[in-house]
């Protein structure tokens, strides 16, 4: 009789342990964040170098101007024939998808011109207006631009120079700057609006 009781106790204890383990695993899975589809998160957000650029309204834009917003930052220029307008449209579509999902806080799209000779605030203003309200265009002195891009690892250089007829080779990554004004993630090309909307929603919700 005692042997049967011991066996029952063992079976009951095993069942309880299995239930407890299953519950713990379920809880762990619920706590595990969804996987990012395209973004690369930095192990620790990086401070930006000091810089001073000008937005499309002629207002100074500094390192502190990034604070208080999630920023999706792309480096390009208004004479760019394809990559720049396509990338900005992808960002606009990603932002729209996030809005349609009911997100209260949306990321700000920022275009930093790597062609400050031709991209005046007025030129940038007309250009970024095609990609949604609140899109920011930045331009300024080359020294200030280099201060920002060097810290972020952004490459750009003139090519095919023939007077004013030239292009600018540049990195195609999208930089994520968090509300503390720090470089916290990036999206490498090729870019897809759904992936950006998915990943941006995730890391914005964890901040």
N, C-alpha and C. Protein backbone atom coordinates (compact mmCIF):
# COMPACT_ATOMS: atom_id res chain seq x y z
N UNK A 1 0.83 -1.20 0.00
CA UNK A 1 0.00 0.00 0.00
C UNK A 1 0.87 1.25 0.00
N UNK A 2 1.89 1.22 0.84
CA UNK A 2 2.80 2.36 0.89
C UNK A 2 3.50 2.56 -0.44
N UNK A 3 3.80 1.40 -1.12
CA UNK A 3 4.48 1.49 -2.41
C UNK A 3 3.58 2.17 -3.43
N UNK A 4 2.26 1.82 -3.38
CA UNK A 4 1.32 2.45 -4.30
C UNK A 4 1.18 3.94 -4.02
N UNK A 5 1.15 4.30 -2.70
CA UNK A 5 1.05 5.70 -2.33
C UNK A 5 2.25 6.48 -2.82
N UNK A 6 3.43 5.89 -2.67
CA UNK A 6 4.65 6.56 -3.11
C UNK A 6 4.63 6.79 -4.61
N UNK A 7 4.10 5.77 -5.32
CA UNK A 7 4.04 5.91 -6.78
C UNK A 7 3.08 7.02 -7.18
N UNK A 8 1.94 7.09 -6.47
CA UNK A 8 0.97 8.15 -6.75
C UNK A 8 1.57 9.53 -6.48
N UNK A 9 2.30 9.62 -5.34
CA UNK A 9 2.93 10.89 -5.00
C UNK A 9 3.94 11.30 -6.06
N UNK A 10 4.68 10.31 -6.55
CA UNK A 10 5.70 10.59 -7.56
C UNK A 10 5.05 11.10 -8.85
N UNK A 11 3.96 10.40 -9.28
CA UNK A 11 3.27 10.79 -10.51
C UNK A 11 2.68 12.19 -10.36
N UNK A 12 2.07 12.43 -9.16
CA UNK A 12 1.47 13.74 -8.93
C UNK A 12 2.53 14.84 -8.93
N UNK A 13 3.67 14.57 -8.28
CA UNK A 13 4.75 15.56 -8.21
C UNK A 13 5.31 15.84 -9.59
N UNK A 14 5.43 14.77 -10.40
CA UNK A 14 5.95 14.93 -11.76
C UNK A 14 5.00 15.78 -12.60
N UNK A 15 3.70 15.51 -12.43
CA UNK A 15 2.71 16.27 -13.19
C UNK A 15 2.73 17.74 -12.80
N UNK A 16 2.82 18.00 -11.50
CA UNK A 16 2.87 19.38 -11.03
C UNK A 16 4.11 20.09 -11.55
N UNK A 17 5.24 19.38 -11.53
CA UNK A 17 6.48 19.97 -12.03
C UNK A 17 6.38 20.28 -13.52
N UNK A 18 5.73 19.36 -14.27
CA UNK A 18 5.58 19.57 -15.71
C UNK A 18 4.70 20.78 -15.99
N UNK A 19 3.60 20.90 -15.21
CA UNK A 19 2.70 22.04 -15.38
C UNK A 19 3.42 23.35 -15.06
N UNK A 20 4.19 23.30 -13.94
CA UNK A 20 4.92 24.50 -13.53
C UNK A 20 5.96 24.89 -14.57
N UNK A 21 6.68 23.88 -15.10
CA UNK A 21 7.70 24.16 -16.12
C UNK A 21 7.06 24.72 -17.39
N UNK A 22 5.93 24.13 -17.79
CA UNK A 22 5.23 24.63 -18.97
C UNK A 22 4.77 26.05 -18.79
N UNK A 23 4.25 26.35 -17.59
CA UNK A 23 3.82 27.71 -17.31
C UNK A 23 4.97 28.68 -17.35
N UNK A 24 6.11 28.26 -16.80
CA UNK A 24 7.30 29.13 -16.78
C UNK A 24 7.78 29.40 -18.21
N UNK A 25 7.79 28.33 -19.04
CA UNK A 25 8.23 28.50 -20.42
C UNK A 25 7.29 29.42 -21.19
N UNK A 26 5.99 29.26 -20.94
CA UNK A 26 5.02 30.12 -21.61
C UNK A 26 5.23 31.57 -21.21
N UNK A 27 5.50 31.79 -19.91
CA UNK A 27 5.74 33.14 -19.44
C UNK A 27 6.99 33.72 -20.07
N UNK A 28 8.03 32.89 -20.18
CA UNK A 28 9.27 33.36 -20.81
C UNK A 28 9.04 33.74 -22.26
N UNK A 29 8.26 32.92 -22.97
CA UNK A 29 8.00 33.23 -24.37
C UNK A 29 7.22 34.52 -24.53
N UNK A 30 6.31 34.75 -23.57
CA UNK A 30 5.54 35.99 -23.61
C UNK A 30 6.42 37.19 -23.36
N UNK A 31 7.47 37.00 -22.53
CA UNK A 31 8.35 38.11 -22.20
C UNK A 31 9.40 38.36 -23.27
N UNK A 32 9.66 37.36 -24.11
CA UNK A 32 10.69 37.51 -25.13
C UNK A 32 10.22 38.45 -26.22
N UNK A 33 10.96 39.53 -26.51
CA UNK A 33 10.52 40.48 -27.53
C UNK A 33 10.52 39.84 -28.91
N UNK A 34 9.64 40.33 -29.77
CA UNK A 34 9.60 39.85 -31.14
C UNK A 34 10.93 40.15 -31.83
N UNK A 35 11.26 39.30 -32.78
CA UNK A 35 12.52 39.47 -33.48
C UNK A 35 12.43 40.65 -34.45
N UNK A 36 13.51 41.38 -34.55
CA UNK A 36 13.60 42.45 -35.53
C UNK A 36 13.76 41.85 -36.93
N UNK A 37 13.18 42.48 -37.90
CA UNK A 37 13.22 41.96 -39.26
C UNK A 37 14.38 42.52 -40.07
N UNK A 38 14.76 43.77 -39.80
CA UNK A 38 15.79 44.40 -40.63
C UNK A 38 16.75 45.29 -39.86
N UNK A 39 16.33 45.82 -38.75
CA UNK A 39 17.17 46.78 -38.02
C UNK A 39 18.30 46.08 -37.28
N UNK A 40 19.39 46.81 -37.11
CA UNK A 40 20.51 46.38 -36.27
C UNK A 40 20.59 47.33 -35.09
N UNK A 41 20.39 46.79 -33.88
CA UNK A 41 20.49 47.61 -32.67
C UNK A 41 21.93 47.69 -32.21
N UNK A 42 22.38 48.86 -31.82
CA UNK A 42 23.72 49.01 -31.26
C UNK A 42 23.73 48.43 -29.85
N UNK A 43 24.83 47.81 -29.43
CA UNK A 43 24.91 47.28 -28.07
C UNK A 43 24.65 48.35 -27.02
N UNK A 44 25.11 49.57 -27.30
CA UNK A 44 24.84 50.71 -26.42
C UNK A 44 24.68 51.94 -27.30
N UNK A 45 23.62 52.73 -27.11
CA UNK A 45 23.43 53.94 -27.91
C UNK A 45 24.65 54.86 -27.84
N UNK A 46 25.01 55.47 -28.98
CA UNK A 46 26.22 56.29 -29.07
C UNK A 46 25.87 57.77 -29.10
N UNK A 47 26.68 58.55 -28.39
CA UNK A 47 26.54 60.00 -28.39
C UNK A 47 26.93 60.55 -29.78
N UNK A 48 26.25 61.59 -30.20
CA UNK A 48 26.59 62.26 -31.45
C UNK A 48 27.60 63.37 -31.19
N UNK A 49 28.36 63.70 -32.21
CA UNK A 49 29.27 64.84 -32.10
C UNK A 49 28.44 66.12 -32.17
N UNK A 50 28.98 67.19 -31.64
CA UNK A 50 28.32 68.49 -31.74
C UNK A 50 28.32 68.93 -33.21
N UNK A 51 27.22 69.52 -33.66
CA UNK A 51 27.14 70.05 -35.01
C UNK A 51 26.07 71.14 -35.05
N UNK A 52 26.07 71.92 -36.10
CA UNK A 52 25.06 72.95 -36.28
C UNK A 52 24.71 73.04 -37.76
N UNK A 53 23.50 72.58 -38.10
CA UNK A 53 23.01 72.66 -39.46
C UNK A 53 21.77 73.56 -39.49
N UNK A 54 21.16 73.68 -40.65
CA UNK A 54 19.98 74.53 -40.81
C UNK A 54 18.87 73.72 -41.46
N UNK A 55 17.64 73.83 -40.90
CA UNK A 55 16.53 73.10 -41.50
C UNK A 55 15.90 73.90 -42.64
N UNK A 56 14.87 73.34 -43.25
CA UNK A 56 14.26 73.98 -44.42
C UNK A 56 13.57 75.30 -44.11
N UNK A 57 13.36 75.58 -42.84
CA UNK A 57 12.75 76.85 -42.45
C UNK A 57 13.79 77.90 -42.07
N UNK A 58 15.07 77.55 -42.20
CA UNK A 58 16.13 78.48 -41.84
C UNK A 58 16.45 78.49 -40.36
N UNK A 59 15.95 77.48 -39.62
CA UNK A 59 16.17 77.39 -38.18
C UNK A 59 17.36 76.50 -37.88
N UNK A 60 18.18 76.90 -36.90
CA UNK A 60 19.34 76.08 -36.53
C UNK A 60 18.88 74.72 -36.01
N UNK A 61 19.59 73.69 -36.41
CA UNK A 61 19.32 72.32 -35.97
C UNK A 61 20.62 71.74 -35.44
N UNK A 62 20.65 71.44 -34.14
CA UNK A 62 21.87 70.94 -33.50
C UNK A 62 21.65 69.53 -32.97
N UNK A 63 22.62 69.03 -32.29
CA UNK A 63 22.53 67.69 -31.69
C UNK A 63 21.31 67.58 -30.79
N UNK A 64 21.05 68.62 -30.00
CA UNK A 64 19.92 68.59 -29.08
C UNK A 64 18.57 68.61 -29.79
N UNK A 65 18.55 69.02 -31.04
CA UNK A 65 17.29 69.09 -31.79
C UNK A 65 16.71 67.70 -32.07
N UNK A 66 17.55 66.68 -31.98
CA UNK A 66 17.06 65.31 -32.16
C UNK A 66 16.28 64.83 -30.94
N UNK A 67 16.51 65.43 -29.80
CA UNK A 67 15.93 64.94 -28.55
C UNK A 67 14.42 65.15 -28.53
N UNK A 68 13.77 64.21 -27.87
CA UNK A 68 12.32 64.28 -27.75
C UNK A 68 11.57 63.63 -28.89
N UNK A 69 12.30 63.08 -29.87
CA UNK A 69 11.69 62.42 -31.03
C UNK A 69 12.44 61.13 -31.34
N UNK A 70 11.72 60.18 -31.94
CA UNK A 70 12.39 59.11 -32.66
C UNK A 70 12.67 59.64 -34.06
N UNK A 71 13.88 59.49 -34.53
CA UNK A 71 14.29 60.06 -35.82
C UNK A 71 14.81 58.97 -36.76
N UNK A 72 14.25 58.93 -37.96
CA UNK A 72 14.77 58.05 -39.02
C UNK A 72 15.52 58.96 -39.98
N UNK A 73 16.84 58.85 -39.96
CA UNK A 73 17.70 59.83 -40.64
C UNK A 73 18.35 59.20 -41.87
N UNK A 74 18.17 59.87 -43.01
CA UNK A 74 18.77 59.41 -44.25
C UNK A 74 19.64 60.53 -44.82
N UNK A 75 20.78 60.16 -45.38
CA UNK A 75 21.71 61.12 -45.96
C UNK A 75 21.63 61.02 -47.48
N UNK A 76 21.22 62.10 -48.13
CA UNK A 76 21.06 62.08 -49.58
C UNK A 76 21.10 63.50 -50.13
N UNK A 77 20.51 63.71 -51.31
CA UNK A 77 20.52 65.05 -51.91
C UNK A 77 19.40 65.15 -52.93
N UNK A 78 18.95 66.37 -53.19
CA UNK A 78 17.75 66.57 -53.99
C UNK A 78 17.95 66.25 -55.48
N UNK A 79 19.20 66.28 -55.97
CA UNK A 79 19.46 65.95 -57.36
C UNK A 79 19.63 64.44 -57.59
N UNK A 80 19.52 63.67 -56.53
CA UNK A 80 19.67 62.22 -56.62
C UNK A 80 18.55 61.65 -57.52
N UNK A 81 18.89 60.87 -58.53
CA UNK A 81 17.88 60.43 -59.50
C UNK A 81 16.97 59.31 -59.02
N UNK A 82 17.43 58.46 -58.10
CA UNK A 82 16.60 57.30 -57.77
C UNK A 82 16.65 56.88 -56.30
N UNK A 83 17.83 56.59 -55.77
CA UNK A 83 17.93 56.02 -54.43
C UNK A 83 17.30 56.92 -53.37
N UNK A 84 17.58 58.21 -53.44
CA UNK A 84 17.09 59.13 -52.40
C UNK A 84 15.57 59.26 -52.40
N UNK A 85 14.94 59.58 -53.54
CA UNK A 85 13.48 59.67 -53.50
C UNK A 85 12.81 58.35 -53.17
N UNK A 86 13.37 57.24 -53.63
CA UNK A 86 12.79 55.94 -53.33
C UNK A 86 12.88 55.64 -51.83
N UNK A 87 14.03 55.94 -51.22
CA UNK A 87 14.20 55.67 -49.79
C UNK A 87 13.28 56.56 -48.96
N UNK A 88 13.18 57.82 -49.32
CA UNK A 88 12.30 58.72 -48.58
C UNK A 88 10.84 58.30 -48.73
N UNK A 89 10.47 57.78 -49.88
CA UNK A 89 9.10 57.29 -50.06
C UNK A 89 8.86 56.05 -49.21
N UNK A 90 9.86 55.18 -49.12
CA UNK A 90 9.76 54.00 -48.26
C UNK A 90 9.56 54.43 -46.80
N UNK A 91 10.31 55.42 -46.36
CA UNK A 91 10.16 55.92 -45.00
C UNK A 91 8.77 56.51 -44.78
N UNK A 92 8.29 57.26 -45.77
CA UNK A 92 6.95 57.84 -45.66
C UNK A 92 5.89 56.73 -45.59
N UNK A 93 6.07 55.68 -46.38
CA UNK A 93 5.13 54.55 -46.35
C UNK A 93 5.19 53.82 -45.01
N UNK A 94 6.39 53.66 -44.46
CA UNK A 94 6.53 53.00 -43.16
C UNK A 94 5.83 53.81 -42.08
N UNK A 95 6.00 55.10 -42.13
CA UNK A 95 5.35 55.99 -41.15
C UNK A 95 3.83 55.90 -41.27
N UNK A 96 3.33 55.85 -42.51
CA UNK A 96 1.89 55.73 -42.74
C UNK A 96 1.36 54.41 -42.18
N UNK A 97 2.11 53.32 -42.39
CA UNK A 97 1.69 52.03 -41.87
C UNK A 97 1.62 52.04 -40.35
N UNK A 98 2.57 52.70 -39.71
CA UNK A 98 2.56 52.80 -38.26
C UNK A 98 1.36 53.61 -37.78
N UNK A 99 1.03 54.64 -38.52
CA UNK A 99 -0.13 55.47 -38.18
C UNK A 99 -1.42 54.66 -38.32
N UNK A 100 -1.50 53.84 -39.37
CA UNK A 100 -2.69 53.03 -39.60
C UNK A 100 -2.86 51.96 -38.52
N UNK A 101 -1.76 51.57 -37.88
CA UNK A 101 -1.84 50.61 -36.78
C UNK A 101 -2.28 51.27 -35.48
N UNK A 102 -2.44 52.59 -35.51
CA UNK A 102 -2.92 53.29 -34.33
C UNK A 102 -1.85 53.78 -33.38
N UNK A 103 -0.59 53.82 -33.82
CA UNK A 103 0.47 54.31 -32.95
C UNK A 103 0.30 55.80 -32.69
N UNK A 104 0.38 56.17 -31.43
CA UNK A 104 0.23 57.57 -31.05
C UNK A 104 1.47 58.39 -31.38
N UNK A 105 2.64 57.74 -31.23
CA UNK A 105 3.91 58.43 -31.48
C UNK A 105 4.52 57.86 -32.76
N UNK A 106 4.84 58.75 -33.68
CA UNK A 106 5.41 58.33 -34.95
C UNK A 106 6.82 58.88 -35.09
N UNK A 107 7.70 58.16 -35.80
CA UNK A 107 9.07 58.67 -35.98
C UNK A 107 9.10 59.85 -36.93
N UNK A 108 10.07 60.70 -36.72
CA UNK A 108 10.28 61.85 -37.61
C UNK A 108 11.27 61.46 -38.70
N UNK A 109 10.95 61.80 -39.94
CA UNK A 109 11.84 61.53 -41.06
C UNK A 109 12.75 62.74 -41.26
N UNK A 110 14.06 62.48 -41.33
CA UNK A 110 15.04 63.57 -41.47
C UNK A 110 15.95 63.27 -42.66
N UNK A 111 15.98 64.18 -43.62
CA UNK A 111 16.92 64.09 -44.73
C UNK A 111 18.06 65.08 -44.48
N UNK A 112 19.28 64.56 -44.39
CA UNK A 112 20.46 65.41 -44.25
C UNK A 112 21.13 65.47 -45.62
N UNK A 113 21.22 66.65 -46.19
CA UNK A 113 21.80 66.78 -47.52
C UNK A 113 23.31 66.62 -47.50
N UNK A 114 23.81 65.79 -48.40
CA UNK A 114 25.25 65.64 -48.58
C UNK A 114 25.71 66.46 -49.79
N UNK A 115 24.85 67.39 -50.22
CA UNK A 115 25.16 68.28 -51.33
C UNK A 115 24.78 69.71 -50.93
N UNK A 116 25.43 70.23 -49.88
CA UNK A 116 25.03 71.56 -49.38
C UNK A 116 25.26 72.69 -50.38
N UNK A 117 26.10 72.48 -51.39
CA UNK A 117 26.33 73.53 -52.39
C UNK A 117 25.06 73.85 -53.17
N UNK A 118 24.27 72.82 -53.49
CA UNK A 118 23.07 73.02 -54.28
C UNK A 118 21.78 72.98 -53.45
N UNK A 119 21.85 72.34 -52.29
CA UNK A 119 20.64 72.16 -51.48
C UNK A 119 20.52 73.25 -50.41
N UNK A 120 19.94 74.36 -50.81
CA UNK A 120 19.65 75.44 -49.87
C UNK A 120 18.43 75.04 -49.04
N UNK A 121 18.15 75.75 -47.96
CA UNK A 121 16.94 75.46 -47.18
C UNK A 121 15.68 75.51 -48.04
N UNK A 122 15.61 76.47 -48.96
CA UNK A 122 14.43 76.60 -49.81
C UNK A 122 14.27 75.39 -50.73
N UNK A 123 15.37 74.96 -51.33
CA UNK A 123 15.34 73.80 -52.22
C UNK A 123 14.93 72.56 -51.43
N UNK A 124 15.51 72.39 -50.26
CA UNK A 124 15.16 71.24 -49.42
C UNK A 124 13.70 71.29 -48.99
N UNK A 125 13.22 72.48 -48.68
CA UNK A 125 11.84 72.61 -48.25
C UNK A 125 10.86 72.11 -49.29
N UNK A 126 11.08 72.49 -50.55
CA UNK A 126 10.20 72.02 -51.62
C UNK A 126 10.32 70.51 -51.80
N UNK A 127 11.52 70.00 -51.63
CA UNK A 127 11.77 68.57 -51.87
C UNK A 127 11.12 67.70 -50.78
N UNK A 128 11.38 68.01 -49.52
CA UNK A 128 10.88 67.14 -48.44
C UNK A 128 9.37 67.25 -48.26
N UNK A 129 8.76 68.30 -48.81
CA UNK A 129 7.31 68.45 -48.68
C UNK A 129 6.56 67.32 -49.39
N UNK A 130 7.23 66.63 -50.31
CA UNK A 130 6.61 65.53 -51.04
C UNK A 130 6.54 64.25 -50.21
N UNK A 131 7.18 64.24 -49.05
CA UNK A 131 7.27 62.99 -48.28
C UNK A 131 6.57 63.07 -46.92
N UNK A 132 5.59 63.93 -46.83
CA UNK A 132 4.77 63.97 -45.64
C UNK A 132 5.06 65.13 -44.72
N UNK A 133 4.01 65.54 -44.02
CA UNK A 133 4.15 66.63 -43.05
C UNK A 133 5.13 66.24 -41.95
N UNK A 134 5.92 67.20 -41.53
CA UNK A 134 6.86 66.94 -40.43
C UNK A 134 8.20 66.42 -40.87
N UNK A 135 8.36 66.10 -42.17
CA UNK A 135 9.66 65.66 -42.67
C UNK A 135 10.63 66.83 -42.63
N UNK A 136 11.82 66.58 -42.12
CA UNK A 136 12.82 67.63 -41.92
C UNK A 136 13.93 67.51 -42.96
N UNK A 137 14.33 68.63 -43.52
CA UNK A 137 15.48 68.66 -44.42
C UNK A 137 16.57 69.52 -43.80
N UNK A 138 17.80 69.01 -43.79
CA UNK A 138 18.91 69.73 -43.16
C UNK A 138 20.04 69.98 -44.16
N UNK A 139 20.63 71.16 -44.07
CA UNK A 139 21.78 71.52 -44.89
C UNK A 139 22.68 72.43 -44.06
N UNK A 140 23.84 72.78 -44.60
CA UNK A 140 24.74 73.64 -43.85
C UNK A 140 26.16 73.59 -44.35
N UNK A 141 27.07 74.09 -43.55
CA UNK A 141 28.48 74.12 -43.92
C UNK A 141 29.06 72.70 -43.95
N UNK A 142 29.98 72.48 -44.89
CA UNK A 142 30.57 71.16 -45.05
C UNK A 142 31.26 70.68 -43.77
N UNK A 143 31.92 71.58 -43.06
CA UNK A 143 32.61 71.20 -41.83
C UNK A 143 31.63 70.64 -40.80
N UNK A 144 30.47 71.27 -40.68
CA UNK A 144 29.45 70.82 -39.74
C UNK A 144 28.85 69.48 -40.17
N UNK A 145 28.66 69.34 -41.47
CA UNK A 145 28.14 68.09 -42.01
C UNK A 145 29.10 66.93 -41.75
N UNK A 146 30.39 67.19 -41.96
CA UNK A 146 31.39 66.15 -41.70
C UNK A 146 31.43 65.77 -40.23
N UNK A 147 31.20 66.75 -39.36
CA UNK A 147 31.21 66.47 -37.93
C UNK A 147 30.14 65.44 -37.58
N UNK A 148 28.99 65.56 -38.21
CA UNK A 148 27.90 64.61 -37.95
C UNK A 148 28.13 63.28 -38.64
N UNK A 149 28.48 63.29 -39.92
CA UNK A 149 28.58 62.04 -40.67
C UNK A 149 29.76 61.17 -40.25
N UNK A 150 30.87 61.78 -39.86
CA UNK A 150 32.04 61.00 -39.46
C UNK A 150 31.73 60.16 -38.23
N UNK A 151 31.05 60.72 -37.28
CA UNK A 151 30.71 60.00 -36.05
C UNK A 151 29.76 58.83 -36.34
N UNK A 152 28.91 59.01 -37.36
CA UNK A 152 27.94 57.97 -37.69
C UNK A 152 28.45 56.96 -38.72
N UNK A 153 29.64 57.20 -39.25
CA UNK A 153 30.19 56.29 -40.25
C UNK A 153 29.54 56.43 -41.61
N UNK A 154 29.03 57.62 -41.91
CA UNK A 154 28.38 57.87 -43.20
C UNK A 154 29.40 58.37 -44.22
N UNK A 155 29.44 57.69 -45.35
CA UNK A 155 30.36 58.08 -46.44
C UNK A 155 29.62 58.92 -47.47
N UNK A 156 30.27 59.97 -47.98
CA UNK A 156 29.76 60.68 -49.15
C UNK A 156 30.92 61.39 -49.84
N UNK A 157 30.84 61.48 -51.15
CA UNK A 157 31.90 62.10 -51.94
C UNK A 157 31.36 62.46 -53.32
N UNK A 158 31.75 63.63 -53.81
CA UNK A 158 31.37 64.03 -55.16
C UNK A 158 31.99 63.08 -56.19
N UNK A 159 31.27 62.90 -57.29
CA UNK A 159 31.83 62.11 -58.39
C UNK A 159 31.28 62.63 -59.71
N UNK A 160 32.01 62.32 -60.80
CA UNK A 160 31.59 62.78 -62.12
C UNK A 160 31.50 64.29 -62.19
N UNK A 161 32.49 64.96 -61.61
CA UNK A 161 32.43 66.42 -61.49
C UNK A 161 32.64 67.09 -62.85
N UNK A 162 31.69 67.92 -63.23
CA UNK A 162 31.78 68.71 -64.46
C UNK A 162 31.04 70.02 -64.20
N UNK A 163 31.72 70.93 -63.50
CA UNK A 163 31.06 72.16 -63.09
C UNK A 163 29.98 71.85 -62.06
N UNK A 164 28.78 72.36 -62.35
CA UNK A 164 27.64 72.09 -61.47
C UNK A 164 26.96 70.77 -61.80
N UNK A 165 27.44 70.12 -62.84
CA UNK A 165 26.87 68.84 -63.24
C UNK A 165 27.66 67.70 -62.60
N UNK A 166 27.24 67.28 -61.44
CA UNK A 166 27.94 66.22 -60.72
C UNK A 166 26.93 65.43 -59.91
N UNK A 167 27.36 64.31 -59.41
CA UNK A 167 26.53 63.53 -58.50
C UNK A 167 27.29 63.36 -57.19
N UNK A 168 26.67 62.73 -56.21
CA UNK A 168 27.32 62.50 -54.93
C UNK A 168 27.10 61.04 -54.53
N UNK A 169 28.18 60.30 -54.42
CA UNK A 169 28.10 58.94 -53.91
C UNK A 169 27.94 59.00 -52.39
N UNK A 170 27.06 58.17 -51.84
CA UNK A 170 26.83 58.25 -50.40
C UNK A 170 26.29 56.93 -49.85
N UNK A 171 26.42 56.77 -48.54
CA UNK A 171 25.89 55.59 -47.87
C UNK A 171 24.37 55.59 -47.97
N UNK A 172 23.79 54.37 -47.99
CA UNK A 172 22.34 54.25 -48.14
C UNK A 172 21.66 53.79 -46.87
N UNK A 173 22.39 53.76 -45.75
CA UNK A 173 21.78 53.30 -44.50
C UNK A 173 20.82 54.35 -43.95
N UNK A 174 19.88 53.89 -43.16
CA UNK A 174 18.98 54.76 -42.41
C UNK A 174 19.40 54.68 -40.95
N UNK A 175 19.70 55.83 -40.37
CA UNK A 175 20.17 55.90 -38.99
C UNK A 175 18.98 56.18 -38.07
N UNK A 176 18.92 55.45 -36.97
CA UNK A 176 17.87 55.68 -35.97
C UNK A 176 18.48 56.44 -34.79
N UNK A 177 17.94 57.61 -34.52
CA UNK A 177 18.38 58.40 -33.37
C UNK A 177 17.21 58.48 -32.40
N UNK A 178 17.46 58.05 -31.17
CA UNK A 178 16.38 57.92 -30.19
C UNK A 178 16.05 59.26 -29.52
N UNK A 179 15.01 59.29 -28.67
CA UNK A 179 14.61 60.55 -28.03
C UNK A 179 15.63 61.15 -27.07
N UNK A 180 16.67 60.40 -26.73
CA UNK A 180 17.77 60.97 -25.96
C UNK A 180 18.81 61.62 -26.86
N UNK A 181 18.56 61.59 -28.17
CA UNK A 181 19.50 62.18 -29.12
C UNK A 181 20.70 61.30 -29.38
N UNK A 182 20.55 59.97 -29.20
CA UNK A 182 21.67 59.05 -29.38
C UNK A 182 21.42 58.11 -30.57
N UNK A 183 22.50 57.75 -31.22
CA UNK A 183 22.48 56.80 -32.34
C UNK A 183 22.27 55.41 -31.74
N UNK A 184 21.08 54.83 -31.98
CA UNK A 184 20.75 53.57 -31.30
C UNK A 184 20.54 52.39 -32.23
N UNK A 185 20.32 52.62 -33.53
CA UNK A 185 20.08 51.50 -34.45
C UNK A 185 20.27 51.99 -35.88
N UNK A 186 20.27 51.04 -36.81
CA UNK A 186 20.35 51.40 -38.22
C UNK A 186 19.64 50.36 -39.07
N UNK A 187 19.22 50.79 -40.24
CA UNK A 187 18.65 49.92 -41.26
C UNK A 187 19.57 49.94 -42.46
N UNK A 188 20.05 48.78 -42.87
CA UNK A 188 20.88 48.68 -44.06
C UNK A 188 20.00 48.46 -45.29
N UNK A 189 20.48 48.92 -46.44
CA UNK A 189 19.74 48.71 -47.70
C UNK A 189 19.83 47.24 -48.11
N UNK A 190 18.84 46.74 -48.86
CA UNK A 190 17.67 47.44 -49.39
C UNK A 190 16.61 47.65 -48.31
N UNK A 191 15.80 48.69 -48.48
CA UNK A 191 14.82 49.05 -47.47
C UNK A 191 13.41 48.65 -47.90
N UNK A 192 12.63 48.18 -46.92
CA UNK A 192 11.25 47.78 -47.19
C UNK A 192 10.37 48.39 -46.11
N UNK A 193 9.31 49.07 -46.53
CA UNK A 193 8.49 49.83 -45.60
C UNK A 193 7.92 48.98 -44.47
N UNK A 194 7.44 47.79 -44.79
CA UNK A 194 6.86 46.93 -43.77
C UNK A 194 7.86 46.54 -42.70
N UNK A 195 9.09 46.24 -43.10
CA UNK A 195 10.12 45.89 -42.13
C UNK A 195 10.47 47.06 -41.22
N UNK A 196 10.57 48.24 -41.81
CA UNK A 196 10.90 49.43 -41.02
C UNK A 196 9.77 49.73 -40.04
N UNK A 197 8.53 49.66 -40.51
CA UNK A 197 7.39 49.92 -39.63
C UNK A 197 7.36 48.92 -38.48
N UNK A 198 7.59 47.65 -38.77
CA UNK A 198 7.59 46.60 -37.75
C UNK A 198 8.67 46.83 -36.71
N UNK A 199 9.90 47.05 -37.17
CA UNK A 199 11.03 47.17 -36.25
C UNK A 199 10.97 48.48 -35.46
N UNK A 200 10.62 49.57 -36.13
CA UNK A 200 10.53 50.84 -35.43
C UNK A 200 9.46 50.79 -34.35
N UNK A 201 8.35 50.13 -34.63
CA UNK A 201 7.31 49.99 -33.61
C UNK A 201 7.82 49.24 -32.39
N UNK A 202 8.65 48.22 -32.63
CA UNK A 202 9.17 47.42 -31.52
C UNK A 202 10.11 48.23 -30.63
N UNK A 203 11.15 48.84 -31.22
CA UNK A 203 12.09 49.50 -30.32
C UNK A 203 11.56 50.81 -29.78
N UNK A 204 10.57 51.40 -30.45
CA UNK A 204 9.95 52.59 -29.88
C UNK A 204 9.11 52.23 -28.65
N UNK A 205 8.50 51.04 -28.67
CA UNK A 205 7.66 50.63 -27.55
C UNK A 205 8.47 50.25 -26.33
N UNK A 206 9.76 49.94 -26.52
CA UNK A 206 10.61 49.51 -25.41
C UNK A 206 11.36 50.67 -24.75
N UNK A 207 11.27 51.86 -25.33
CA UNK A 207 12.07 52.98 -24.82
C UNK A 207 11.51 53.48 -23.49
